[in-house]
Amino acid sequence: MIRCKVLCQTKLVTIKYHNFFSEKINNKTNNNNKLQQYKYFIQNIYIQKYIYVKIINTYIYIYIQNIYIYIQINININIYIYTYLYQQIFANIIIQNTINEIFGKNNEIQLKEFKDLITKVCQLPNILIQLLFNKIDKQKNDKINKTVFLNYWKNELQNTSLQQRFFNILKKQSNDFIERDDFLPLMKVLLETHPGLEFLKATPEFQERYADTVIIRIFFIVNRKDDGKITYKEFKKSNLFQILQQVDTEEDINKIRDYFSYEHFYVLYCKFWELDQDHDFLINKEEFSRYSGHTLSRKTVERIFEEIPRQFKSGELQKMGYEDFIWFVLAEEDKTNLTSLQYWFKIIDLDNNGIITGYEMKEFFEEQRQRLEYLNHELVYFEDIVCQMVDLLKPEDDIKFYFYHFKQKQNLSGVFFNFLTNLNKFVSYEQRDPFNIRNELNEHPDYSDWDRFAQNEYLRLAMEEENQENGEVFNDGNDPWDQETGQENIN
């Protein structure tokens, strides 16, 4: 026996039916018998109390709760196709009845009743209740008219997947994409209602920065074109829908590491604040060069401030804004995603021809070699680096690396850029302990490189704050690499 689950009066009912209906009906059977078998099959899928089936010629007439439906049957088509269609019709009738019950005779509902509508009809998480209510209630009278809701339901939500419904609610009705400001109403509701963010209500300026950070992180991962427009294809391909569902049910916001973690926001904000010495919410080149103890080479800093990997959104010449900095940190601290790899590929690709050659690698490596020499570190030879990278990425030509080479080794190829741009990570890789690396991976196997970085930085910041409260200061603020050398110290 096969089991089929169907909706009946909002309850899930399991009905048994015979195996021979799972295959195309035998062509040797005469047409009249085939139609009778269809009738038998349909009536046994649904409860006969709520459905009546009558066959006239090649039409099957279905009577469901005061509504007549008729469909002409092609007896050579698998019966499952028609079964799916009947189930959709039946489900839509139940939805219509639910809508009628919730609205009642007044044909208007307020926010309280609207919650039932969202969960029973739209099947959407609670986080969207206020958002959708405000979107439909354009008159701002705190009531929703039944006709207005039905129009929105039919045009935007009916006959769509849950992901598509979520997408349609977030975007403007005139657009087929989500823009940055489309997330602001969602963030406003989240900050007002989520228990894990309640403590931020006392500091509106941090609420604003938290919302900005979440939105920037979403676009960094989801909007691969970086055009400020998330298409449905990008939305569907990402994990954003699943993460938003988790936010709706998880009270500890820090457990939602993708996009929404407050601890991750705190790390990013503090990183920016540490560099922004005059606190004008802009970072100049000199301030930026101090990132992580001058770990980036001067050539790398120059390329970033020439806006090669990404155009600054600050609106100020030669100054990096908050969004620009967040984008950089996300790209720098986790080179296992395509957005990060593309960012760094553009930096090394000096002639912007889509190919990284040995000449371009040597241009960046030479500064790294000089810095290692200054630190009396054991020298690493360029030829050895090239051999390692060729073995890792396996280009068709000896030293010609295209972006697809990095894409094919997405989780490993970040080391290529660390060798050429970041002295601390270069040295760390050369001195790595496989045992410690294995322990880190085993401790949090589901953590990304960004998750590990953010966790370590948050602990560091917490310890520094505790030490300051206890009057202990371990950093006198004098960086030996702030002198004329423009280099950095490696602890």
Protein backbone atom coordinates (compact mmCIF):
# COMPACT_ATOMS: atom_id res chain seq x y z
CA MET A 1 0.00 0.00 0.00
CA ILE A 2 1.07 3.61 -0.66
CA ARG A 3 0.29 6.47 1.69
CA CYS A 4 -0.65 9.95 0.55
CA LYS A 5 -0.96 12.95 2.88
CA VAL A 6 -3.53 15.61 2.01
CA LEU A 7 -5.05 18.60 3.77
CA CYS A 8 -8.64 18.35 4.91
CA GLN A 9 -10.24 21.05 7.05
CA THR A 10 -6.71 22.23 8.08
CA LYS A 11 -5.92 18.75 9.47
CA LEU A 12 -3.41 16.36 7.98
CA VAL A 13 -5.17 13.15 7.00
CA THR A 14 -3.50 9.95 5.78
CA ILE A 15 -5.45 8.01 3.16
CA LYS A 16 -4.55 4.60 1.70
CA TYR A 17 -4.98 3.84 -1.95
CA HIS A 18 -4.09 0.98 -4.29
CA ASN A 19 -0.73 0.50 -5.96
CA PHE A 20 -2.09 0.23 -9.49
CA PHE A 21 -2.87 3.93 -9.50
CA SER A 22 0.82 4.80 -9.13
CA GLU A 23 1.45 3.77 -12.74
CA LYS A 24 -0.10 4.92 -15.99
CA ILE A 25 -3.40 3.12 -16.45
CA ASN A 26 -3.10 0.16 -18.78
CA ASN A 27 -3.73 1.27 -22.37
CA LYS A 28 -5.65 -1.94 -23.05
CA THR A 29 -8.35 -0.81 -20.67
CA ASN A 30 -11.26 0.81 -22.49
CA ASN A 31 -11.75 4.55 -22.03
CA ASN A 32 -14.87 4.22 -19.90
CA ASN A 33 -13.10 1.96 -17.41
CA LYS A 34 -10.14 4.34 -17.25
CA LEU A 35 -12.40 7.25 -16.38
CA GLN A 36 -14.12 5.17 -13.71
CA GLN A 37 -10.72 4.33 -12.25
CA TYR A 38 -9.85 8.04 -12.14
CA LYS A 39 -13.12 8.73 -10.36
CA TYR A 40 -12.45 5.97 -7.82
CA PHE A 41 -8.92 7.20 -7.28
CA ILE A 42 -9.88 10.85 -6.71
CA GLN A 43 -12.70 9.99 -4.34
CA ASN A 44 -10.37 7.82 -2.28
CA ILE A 45 -7.72 10.51 -2.00
CA TYR A 46 -10.16 12.89 -0.34
CA ILE A 47 -12.81 12.39 2.30
CA GLN A 48 -16.06 11.75 0.43
CA LYS A 49 -17.94 13.98 2.83
CA TYR A 50 -16.20 17.01 1.35
CA ILE A 51 -15.93 16.00 -2.31
CA TYR A 52 -18.29 14.63 -4.94
CA VAL A 53 -17.05 13.42 -8.33
CA LYS A 54 -19.20 12.95 -11.43
CA ILE A 55 -18.01 11.83 -14.87
CA ILE A 56 -19.68 13.07 -18.07
CA ASN A 57 -18.02 12.00 -21.31
CA THR A 58 -14.30 12.82 -20.90
CA TYR A 59 -14.84 15.42 -18.17
CA ILE A 60 -14.56 14.86 -14.46
CA TYR A 61 -16.71 17.31 -12.50
CA ILE A 62 -15.57 17.91 -8.93
CA TYR A 63 -17.85 19.45 -6.33
CA ILE A 64 -16.04 20.74 -3.24
CA GLN A 65 -17.71 22.85 -0.60
CA ASN A 66 -20.12 24.81 -2.84
CA ILE A 67 -17.63 25.12 -5.70
CA TYR A 68 -17.78 23.27 -9.03
CA ILE A 69 -14.55 22.44 -10.85
CA TYR A 70 -14.29 20.52 -14.08
CA ILE A 71 -11.21 19.27 -15.91
CA GLN A 72 -10.98 17.36 -19.15
CA ILE A 73 -9.02 14.16 -18.65
CA ASN A 74 -6.33 12.86 -20.96
CA ILE A 75 -6.51 9.20 -20.06
CA ASN A 76 -2.95 8.56 -21.26
CA ILE A 77 -1.40 10.90 -18.70
CA ASN A 78 -0.20 9.55 -15.39
CA ILE A 79 -2.87 10.01 -12.77
CA TYR A 80 -0.41 11.66 -10.37
CA ILE A 81 -0.42 14.81 -12.50
CA TYR A 82 -4.15 15.24 -11.95
CA THR A 83 -3.84 14.26 -8.32
CA TYR A 84 -1.38 17.09 -7.70
CA LEU A 85 -3.73 19.53 -9.42
CA TYR A 86 -6.69 18.43 -7.29
CA GLN A 87 -4.63 18.76 -4.13
CA GLN A 88 -3.70 22.33 -5.07
CA ILE A 89 -7.33 23.20 -5.73
CA PHE A 90 -8.42 21.63 -2.47
CA ALA A 91 -5.68 23.41 -0.50
CA ASN A 92 -6.63 26.78 -2.00
CA ILE A 93 -10.26 26.25 -1.00
CA ILE A 94 -9.22 25.52 2.58
CA ILE A 95 -7.05 28.66 2.59
CA GLN A 96 -9.99 30.72 1.35
CA ASN A 97 -12.19 29.33 4.12
CA THR A 98 -9.49 30.13 6.71
CA ILE A 99 -9.26 33.70 5.45
CA ASN A 100 -13.05 34.06 5.68
CA GLU A 101 -13.06 32.73 9.25
CA ILE A 102 -10.28 35.07 10.42
CA PHE A 103 -11.78 38.20 8.87
CA GLY A 104 -15.32 37.30 9.95
CA LYS A 105 -18.28 39.52 9.08
CA ASN A 106 -16.48 42.83 9.63
CA ASN A 107 -14.08 42.21 6.74
CA GLU A 108 -11.34 43.95 8.75
CA ILE A 109 -8.71 42.72 11.17
CA GLN A 110 -6.11 44.24 13.48
CA LEU A 111 -2.57 43.09 14.22
CA LYS A 112 -3.66 40.45 16.76
CA GLU A 113 -5.86 38.59 14.25
CA PHE A 114 -3.27 39.19 11.54
CA LYS A 115 -0.86 36.89 13.39
CA ASP A 116 -3.24 33.97 12.81
CA LEU A 117 -3.43 34.90 9.16
CA ILE A 118 0.36 34.84 8.79
CA THR A 119 0.88 31.49 10.51
CA LYS A 120 -2.15 29.62 9.13
CA VAL A 121 -2.39 31.00 5.61
CA CYS A 122 1.01 32.45 4.68
CA GLN A 123 3.00 29.94 6.78
CA LEU A 124 5.62 32.60 7.48
CA PRO A 125 7.68 33.24 10.65
CA ASN A 126 6.59 35.75 13.28
CA ILE A 127 9.37 38.16 12.39
CA LEU A 128 7.41 39.11 9.27
CA ILE A 129 4.06 39.78 11.00
CA GLN A 130 4.59 43.47 11.74
CA LEU A 131 6.52 43.95 8.51
CA LEU A 132 3.78 42.50 6.31
CA PHE A 133 1.04 44.27 8.29
CA ASN A 134 2.72 47.64 7.70
CA LYS A 135 3.25 46.83 4.04
CA ILE A 136 -0.43 46.03 3.43
CA ASP A 137 -1.78 48.74 5.75
CA LYS A 138 -0.79 51.61 3.49
CA GLN A 139 -3.43 53.90 5.02
CA LYS A 140 -1.76 53.47 8.44
CA ASN A 141 -5.09 53.03 10.24
CA ASP A 142 -3.94 49.88 12.11
CA LYS A 143 -6.50 47.77 10.24
CA ILE A 144 -6.37 45.60 7.16
CA ASN A 145 -9.29 45.28 4.79
CA LYS A 146 -10.10 41.80 3.50
CA THR A 147 -10.21 42.90 -0.14
CA VAL A 148 -6.83 44.63 0.16
CA PHE A 149 -5.30 41.53 1.75
CA LEU A 150 -6.75 39.21 -0.90
CA ASN A 151 -5.33 41.38 -3.67
CA TYR A 152 -1.89 41.28 -2.07
CA TRP A 153 -2.20 37.55 -1.41
CA LYS A 154 -3.13 36.72 -5.00
CA ASN A 155 -0.55 39.03 -6.58
CA GLU A 156 2.45 38.41 -4.31
CA LEU A 157 2.07 35.26 -2.20
CA GLN A 158 -0.40 32.72 -3.56
CA ASN A 159 1.03 29.81 -5.53
CA THR A 160 4.60 30.66 -4.48
CA SER A 161 7.13 28.85 -2.32
CA LEU A 162 7.90 30.05 1.20
CA GLN A 163 11.21 31.42 -0.03
CA GLN A 164 9.47 33.38 -2.79
CA ARG A 165 6.93 34.73 -0.27
CA PHE A 166 9.72 35.89 2.01
CA PHE A 167 11.47 37.54 -0.93
CA ASN A 168 8.29 39.26 -2.15
CA ILE A 169 7.55 40.68 1.30
CA LEU A 170 11.05 42.12 1.69
CA LYS A 171 11.26 43.77 -1.73
CA LYS A 172 9.33 46.75 -3.04
CA GLN A 173 6.33 45.67 -5.13
CA SER A 174 7.63 47.60 -8.14
CA ASN A 175 11.01 45.80 -8.05
CA ASP A 176 12.12 42.25 -8.74
CA PHE A 177 15.11 42.57 -6.38
CA ILE A 178 15.88 43.49 -2.77
CA GLU A 179 17.79 46.71 -2.05
CA ARG A 180 19.63 47.66 1.13
CA ASP A 181 16.88 49.89 2.49
CA ASP A 182 14.39 47.03 2.06
CA PHE A 183 16.03 45.38 5.07
CA LEU A 184 15.58 48.41 7.34
CA PRO A 185 11.93 47.65 8.31
CA LEU A 186 12.92 44.05 9.06
CA MET A 187 15.84 45.20 11.22
CA LYS A 188 13.59 47.68 13.03
CA VAL A 189 11.16 44.89 13.95
CA LEU A 190 14.04 42.62 14.96
CA LEU A 191 15.59 45.24 17.24
CA GLU A 192 12.22 45.97 18.84
CA THR A 193 11.14 42.38 19.42
CA HIS A 194 14.10 39.97 19.61
CA PRO A 195 14.97 39.07 23.24
CA GLY A 196 18.65 38.73 22.38
CA LEU A 197 18.82 42.38 21.31
CA GLU A 198 16.70 43.94 24.03
CA PHE A 199 19.76 45.40 25.81
CA LEU A 200 20.46 47.59 22.75
CA LYS A 201 17.26 49.60 23.24
CA ALA A 202 19.13 51.88 25.64
CA THR A 203 21.66 52.82 22.92
CA PRO A 204 19.90 53.79 19.66
CA GLU A 205 23.22 54.64 17.99
CA PHE A 206 24.38 51.03 18.48
CA GLN A 207 21.06 49.76 17.17
CA GLU A 208 21.71 51.70 13.98
CA ARG A 209 25.27 50.40 13.65
CA TYR A 210 24.17 46.84 14.36
CA ALA A 211 21.50 47.07 11.63
CA ASP A 212 24.03 48.52 9.16
CA THR A 213 26.50 45.74 9.93
CA VAL A 214 23.95 42.96 9.45
CA ILE A 215 22.84 44.40 6.10
CA ILE A 216 26.44 44.81 4.90
CA ARG A 217 27.20 41.19 5.86
CA ILE A 218 24.11 39.98 3.99
CA PHE A 219 25.08 41.79 0.80
CA PHE A 220 28.71 40.66 1.11
CA ILE A 221 27.68 37.00 0.95
CA VAL A 222 24.42 37.01 -1.02
CA ASN A 223 24.84 39.77 -3.62
CA ARG A 224 27.62 38.23 -5.70
CA LYS A 225 27.39 40.94 -8.38
CA ASP A 226 27.90 43.61 -5.70
CA ASP A 227 25.41 45.88 -7.45
CA GLY A 228 23.25 46.49 -4.38
CA LYS A 229 20.40 44.39 -5.79
CA ILE A 230 19.72 40.89 -4.48
CA THR A 231 17.81 38.94 -7.12
CA TYR A 232 15.53 36.01 -6.29
CA LYS A 233 18.11 33.70 -7.85
CA GLU A 234 20.77 34.99 -5.44
CA PHE A 235 18.34 34.89 -2.52
CA LYS A 236 17.34 31.30 -3.28
CA LYS A 237 20.93 30.17 -3.74
CA SER A 238 22.00 31.61 -0.37
CA ASN A 239 21.15 30.46 3.16
CA LEU A 240 19.48 33.77 4.06
CA PHE A 241 15.95 32.35 4.16
CA GLN A 242 16.97 29.53 6.51
CA ILE A 243 18.92 31.95 8.74
CA LEU A 244 15.94 34.31 9.00
CA GLN A 245 13.82 31.36 10.10
CA GLN A 246 16.40 30.56 12.81
CA VAL A 247 16.37 34.17 14.00
CA ASP A 248 12.62 33.83 14.50
CA THR A 249 12.99 30.89 16.91
CA GLU A 250 16.44 31.29 18.54
CA GLU A 251 16.51 33.62 21.56
CA ASP A 252 20.32 33.77 21.76
CA ILE A 253 21.24 35.99 18.81
CA ASN A 254 24.92 35.04 19.12
CA LYS A 255 24.09 31.47 18.11
CA ILE A 256 23.09 32.83 14.70
CA ARG A 257 26.66 33.27 13.47
CA ASP A 258 25.67 34.06 9.91
CA TYR A 259 24.87 37.78 9.54
CA PHE A 260 23.09 38.43 12.88
CA SER A 261 25.52 37.67 15.74
CA TYR A 262 25.90 40.65 18.08
CA GLU A 263 29.36 39.46 19.11
CA HIS A 264 30.47 39.53 15.48
CA PHE A 265 29.08 43.06 15.13
CA TYR A 266 30.95 44.09 18.28
CA VAL A 267 34.24 42.79 16.87
CA LEU A 268 33.78 44.64 13.58
CA TYR A 269 32.73 47.87 15.25
CA CYS A 270 35.63 47.82 17.73
CA LYS A 271 38.10 47.09 14.93
CA PHE A 272 36.87 50.17 13.10
CA TRP A 273 36.84 52.32 16.24
CA GLU A 274 40.42 51.35 17.12
CA LEU A 275 41.70 52.63 13.77
CA ASP A 276 39.47 55.70 13.50
CA GLN A 277 41.64 57.86 15.77
CA ASP A 278 39.72 61.13 15.35
CA HIS A 279 36.37 59.28 15.45
CA ASP A 280 34.94 61.03 12.41
CA PHE A 281 33.72 57.64 11.21
CA LEU A 282 36.20 57.74 8.34
CA ILE A 283 39.57 56.01 8.09
CA ASN A 284 42.44 57.47 6.09
CA LYS A 285 45.30 55.50 4.58
CA GLU A 286 47.66 56.03 7.50
CA GLU A 287 45.05 54.88 10.02
CA PHE A 288 44.15 51.88 7.89
CA SER A 289 47.79 50.79 7.56
CA ARG A 290 47.78 50.06 11.32
CA TYR A 291 45.28 47.22 10.82
CA SER A 292 46.37 44.18 12.82
CA GLY A 293 49.77 45.69 13.62
CA HIS A 294 50.69 46.84 10.10
CA THR A 295 50.26 43.31 8.81
CA LEU A 296 49.38 44.41 5.27
CA SER A 297 52.11 45.40 2.84
CA ARG A 298 52.29 49.01 1.67
CA LYS A 299 51.53 47.96 -1.89
CA THR A 300 48.37 46.19 -0.71
CA VAL A 301 47.23 49.27 1.22
CA GLU A 302 47.86 51.43 -1.84
CA ARG A 303 45.78 49.13 -4.06
CA ILE A 304 42.89 49.14 -1.58
CA PHE A 305 42.92 52.96 -1.36
CA GLU A 306 43.10 53.18 -5.13
CA GLU A 307 39.74 51.39 -4.86
CA ILE A 308 40.92 48.56 -7.11
CA PRO A 309 39.12 45.66 -5.39
CA ARG A 310 35.99 47.71 -4.63
CA GLN A 311 34.89 51.31 -4.97
CA PHE A 312 34.54 53.09 -1.62
CA LYS A 313 31.01 54.06 -0.56
CA SER A 314 32.20 56.76 1.86
CA GLY A 315 31.85 59.64 -0.60
CA GLU A 316 35.15 61.06 0.71
CA LEU A 317 38.30 61.00 -1.41
CA GLN A 318 41.00 58.69 -0.03
CA LYS A 319 38.90 57.83 3.01
CA MET A 320 37.31 54.53 3.91
CA GLY A 321 33.84 54.53 5.45
CA TYR A 322 32.30 51.99 7.83
CA GLU A 323 30.83 49.85 5.04
CA ASP A 324 34.13 49.86 3.13
CA PHE A 325 35.99 48.73 6.23
CA ILE A 326 33.51 45.95 7.06
CA TRP A 327 33.76 44.68 3.49
CA PHE A 328 37.56 44.62 3.76
CA VAL A 329 37.62 42.80 7.12
CA LEU A 330 35.16 40.15 5.93
CA ALA A 331 37.32 39.62 2.83
CA GLU A 332 40.58 39.63 4.79
CA GLU A 333 39.67 37.30 7.64
CA ASP A 334 37.86 34.63 5.65
CA LYS A 335 39.24 33.89 2.20
CA THR A 336 37.11 30.78 1.69
CA ASN A 337 34.19 32.53 -0.01
CA LEU A 338 33.98 33.79 -3.58
CA THR A 339 33.47 37.45 -2.65
CA SER A 340 36.73 37.45 -0.67
CA LEU A 341 38.68 35.62 -3.36
CA GLN A 342 37.47 38.05 -6.00
CA TYR A 343 38.47 41.00 -3.78
CA TRP A 344 42.04 39.76 -3.41
CA PHE A 345 42.37 38.55 -7.00
CA LYS A 346 41.74 42.13 -8.19
CA ILE A 347 44.44 43.45 -5.85
CA ILE A 348 47.15 41.13 -7.23
CA ASP A 349 46.01 41.40 -10.88
CA LEU A 350 47.97 44.61 -11.56
CA ASP A 351 47.04 44.99 -15.22
CA ASN A 352 43.41 43.92 -14.68
CA ASN A 353 43.52 41.33 -17.46
CA GLY A 354 42.00 38.49 -15.43
CA ILE A 355 45.32 36.64 -15.08
CA ILE A 356 47.82 36.63 -12.20
CA THR A 357 51.31 36.03 -13.55
CA GLY A 358 54.68 35.32 -11.99
CA TYR A 359 55.67 38.95 -12.56
CA GLU A 360 52.71 40.23 -10.53
CA MET A 361 53.37 37.71 -7.77
CA LYS A 362 57.00 38.83 -7.55
CA GLU A 363 55.97 42.51 -7.36
CA PHE A 364 54.09 41.77 -4.14
CA PHE A 365 56.45 39.13 -2.77
CA GLU A 366 59.51 41.39 -2.94
CA GLU A 367 58.14 43.64 -0.21
CA GLN A 368 57.33 40.60 1.92
CA ARG A 369 60.90 39.36 1.48
CA GLN A 370 62.32 42.71 2.61
CA ARG A 371 60.13 42.73 5.69
CA LEU A 372 61.16 39.21 6.63
CA GLU A 373 64.79 40.22 6.22
CA TYR A 374 64.28 43.27 8.44
CA LEU A 375 62.89 40.99 11.15
CA ASN A 376 65.85 38.60 10.82
CA HIS A 377 63.36 35.91 9.94
CA GLU A 378 64.46 32.87 8.02
CA LEU A 379 64.11 33.81 4.37
CA VAL A 380 61.58 32.13 2.14
CA TYR A 381 62.48 32.08 -1.54
CA PHE A 382 60.10 33.20 -4.25
CA GLU A 383 60.71 30.07 -6.30
CA ASP A 384 59.58 27.91 -3.37
CA ILE A 385 56.37 29.93 -3.01
CA VAL A 386 55.64 29.60 -6.72
CA CYS A 387 56.15 25.82 -6.59
CA GLN A 388 53.77 25.53 -3.62
CA MET A 389 51.09 27.59 -5.37
CA VAL A 390 51.42 25.70 -8.64
CA ASP A 391 51.05 22.42 -6.75
CA LEU A 392 48.01 23.80 -4.94
CA LEU A 393 46.12 25.44 -7.82
CA LYS A 394 47.44 23.36 -10.74
CA PRO A 395 47.27 25.97 -13.53
CA GLU A 396 47.42 24.73 -17.12
CA ASP A 397 50.30 27.12 -17.86
CA ASP A 398 53.15 27.20 -15.38
CA ILE A 399 52.55 30.58 -13.74
CA LYS A 400 49.23 31.86 -15.09
CA PHE A 401 46.46 31.83 -12.54
CA TYR A 402 42.86 32.57 -13.57
CA PHE A 403 40.05 33.18 -11.11
CA TYR A 404 38.53 29.78 -11.79
CA HIS A 405 41.69 28.16 -10.38
CA PHE A 406 40.97 29.81 -7.02
CA LYS A 407 37.28 28.98 -7.29
CA GLN A 408 38.08 25.29 -7.79
CA LYS A 409 40.13 25.27 -4.56
CA GLN A 410 37.89 27.73 -2.75
CA ASN A 411 38.60 26.48 0.77
CA LEU A 412 42.39 26.37 0.34
CA SER A 413 43.42 29.08 -2.10
CA GLY A 414 43.36 31.96 0.40
CA VAL A 415 46.94 31.11 1.39
CA PHE A 416 48.03 32.34 -2.06
CA PHE A 417 46.98 35.90 -1.18
CA ASN A 418 48.28 35.69 2.39
CA PHE A 419 51.78 34.94 1.07
CA LEU A 420 51.73 38.08 -1.07
CA THR A 421 49.90 40.63 1.10
CA ASN A 422 49.81 39.74 4.81
CA LEU A 423 53.06 39.25 6.72
CA ASN A 424 51.54 37.89 9.93
CA LYS A 425 49.55 35.25 8.07
CA PHE A 426 52.54 34.45 5.87
CA VAL A 427 54.71 33.71 8.92
CA SER A 428 51.88 31.90 10.74
CA TYR A 429 51.45 29.58 7.78
CA GLU A 430 55.17 28.85 7.61
CA GLN A 431 55.24 28.07 11.35
CA ARG A 432 51.88 26.31 11.53
CA ASP A 433 51.38 23.35 13.84
CA PRO A 434 49.17 20.72 12.13
CA PHE A 435 48.20 19.29 15.53
CA ASN A 436 46.82 22.64 16.75
CA ILE A 437 45.02 23.23 13.47
CA ARG A 438 43.39 19.80 13.71
CA ASN A 439 42.28 20.52 17.29
CA GLU A 440 40.70 23.82 16.25
CA LEU A 441 38.81 22.15 13.43
CA ASN A 442 37.63 19.32 15.67
CA GLU A 443 36.49 21.70 18.41
CA HIS A 444 34.17 23.63 16.08
CA PRO A 445 33.87 21.70 12.81
CA ASP A 446 30.99 23.88 11.60
CA TYR A 447 32.87 27.16 12.14
CA SER A 448 34.10 29.17 9.19
CA ASP A 449 37.43 31.03 9.23
CA TRP A 450 35.44 34.17 9.97
CA ASP A 451 33.67 32.51 12.92
CA ARG A 452 37.01 31.50 14.45
CA PHE A 453 38.50 34.94 13.94
CA ALA A 454 35.46 36.69 15.45
CA GLN A 455 35.42 34.34 18.44
CA ASN A 456 39.12 34.94 19.20
CA GLU A 457 38.81 38.69 18.74
CA TYR A 458 35.75 38.89 20.97
CA LEU A 459 37.60 37.05 23.73
CA ARG A 460 40.58 39.37 23.30
CA LEU A 461 38.39 42.47 23.53
CA ALA A 462 36.60 41.09 26.59
CA MET A 463 39.94 40.43 28.32
CA GLU A 464 41.23 43.91 27.47
CA GLU A 465 38.07 45.47 28.86
CA GLU A 466 38.40 43.42 32.05
CA ASN A 467 42.07 44.41 32.41
CA GLN A 468 41.21 48.08 31.97
CA GLU A 469 38.58 47.82 34.67
CA ASN A 470 41.23 46.30 36.95
CA GLY A 471 43.70 49.06 36.08
CA GLU A 472 46.04 46.74 34.20
CA VAL A 473 47.54 48.03 30.93
CA PHE A 474 49.65 45.74 28.76
CA ASN A 475 49.95 47.96 25.67
CA ASP A 476 51.60 51.37 26.02
CA GLY A 477 50.49 52.35 22.53
CA ASN A 478 54.04 52.60 21.14
CA ASP A 479 54.33 50.58 17.97
CA PRO A 480 57.97 50.25 16.84
CA TRP A 481 56.71 49.86 13.28
CA ASP A 482 55.11 53.30 13.28
CA GLN A 483 58.56 54.75 12.66
CA GLU A 484 60.00 55.61 9.27
CA THR A 485 60.19 51.99 8.19
CA GLY A 486 56.40 51.78 7.89
CA GLN A 487 56.67 48.11 8.73
CA GLU A 488 55.20 46.09 11.56
CA ASN A 489 56.12 43.98 14.52
CA ILE A 490 55.17 40.34 14.76
CA ASN A 491 54.47 39.10 18.23
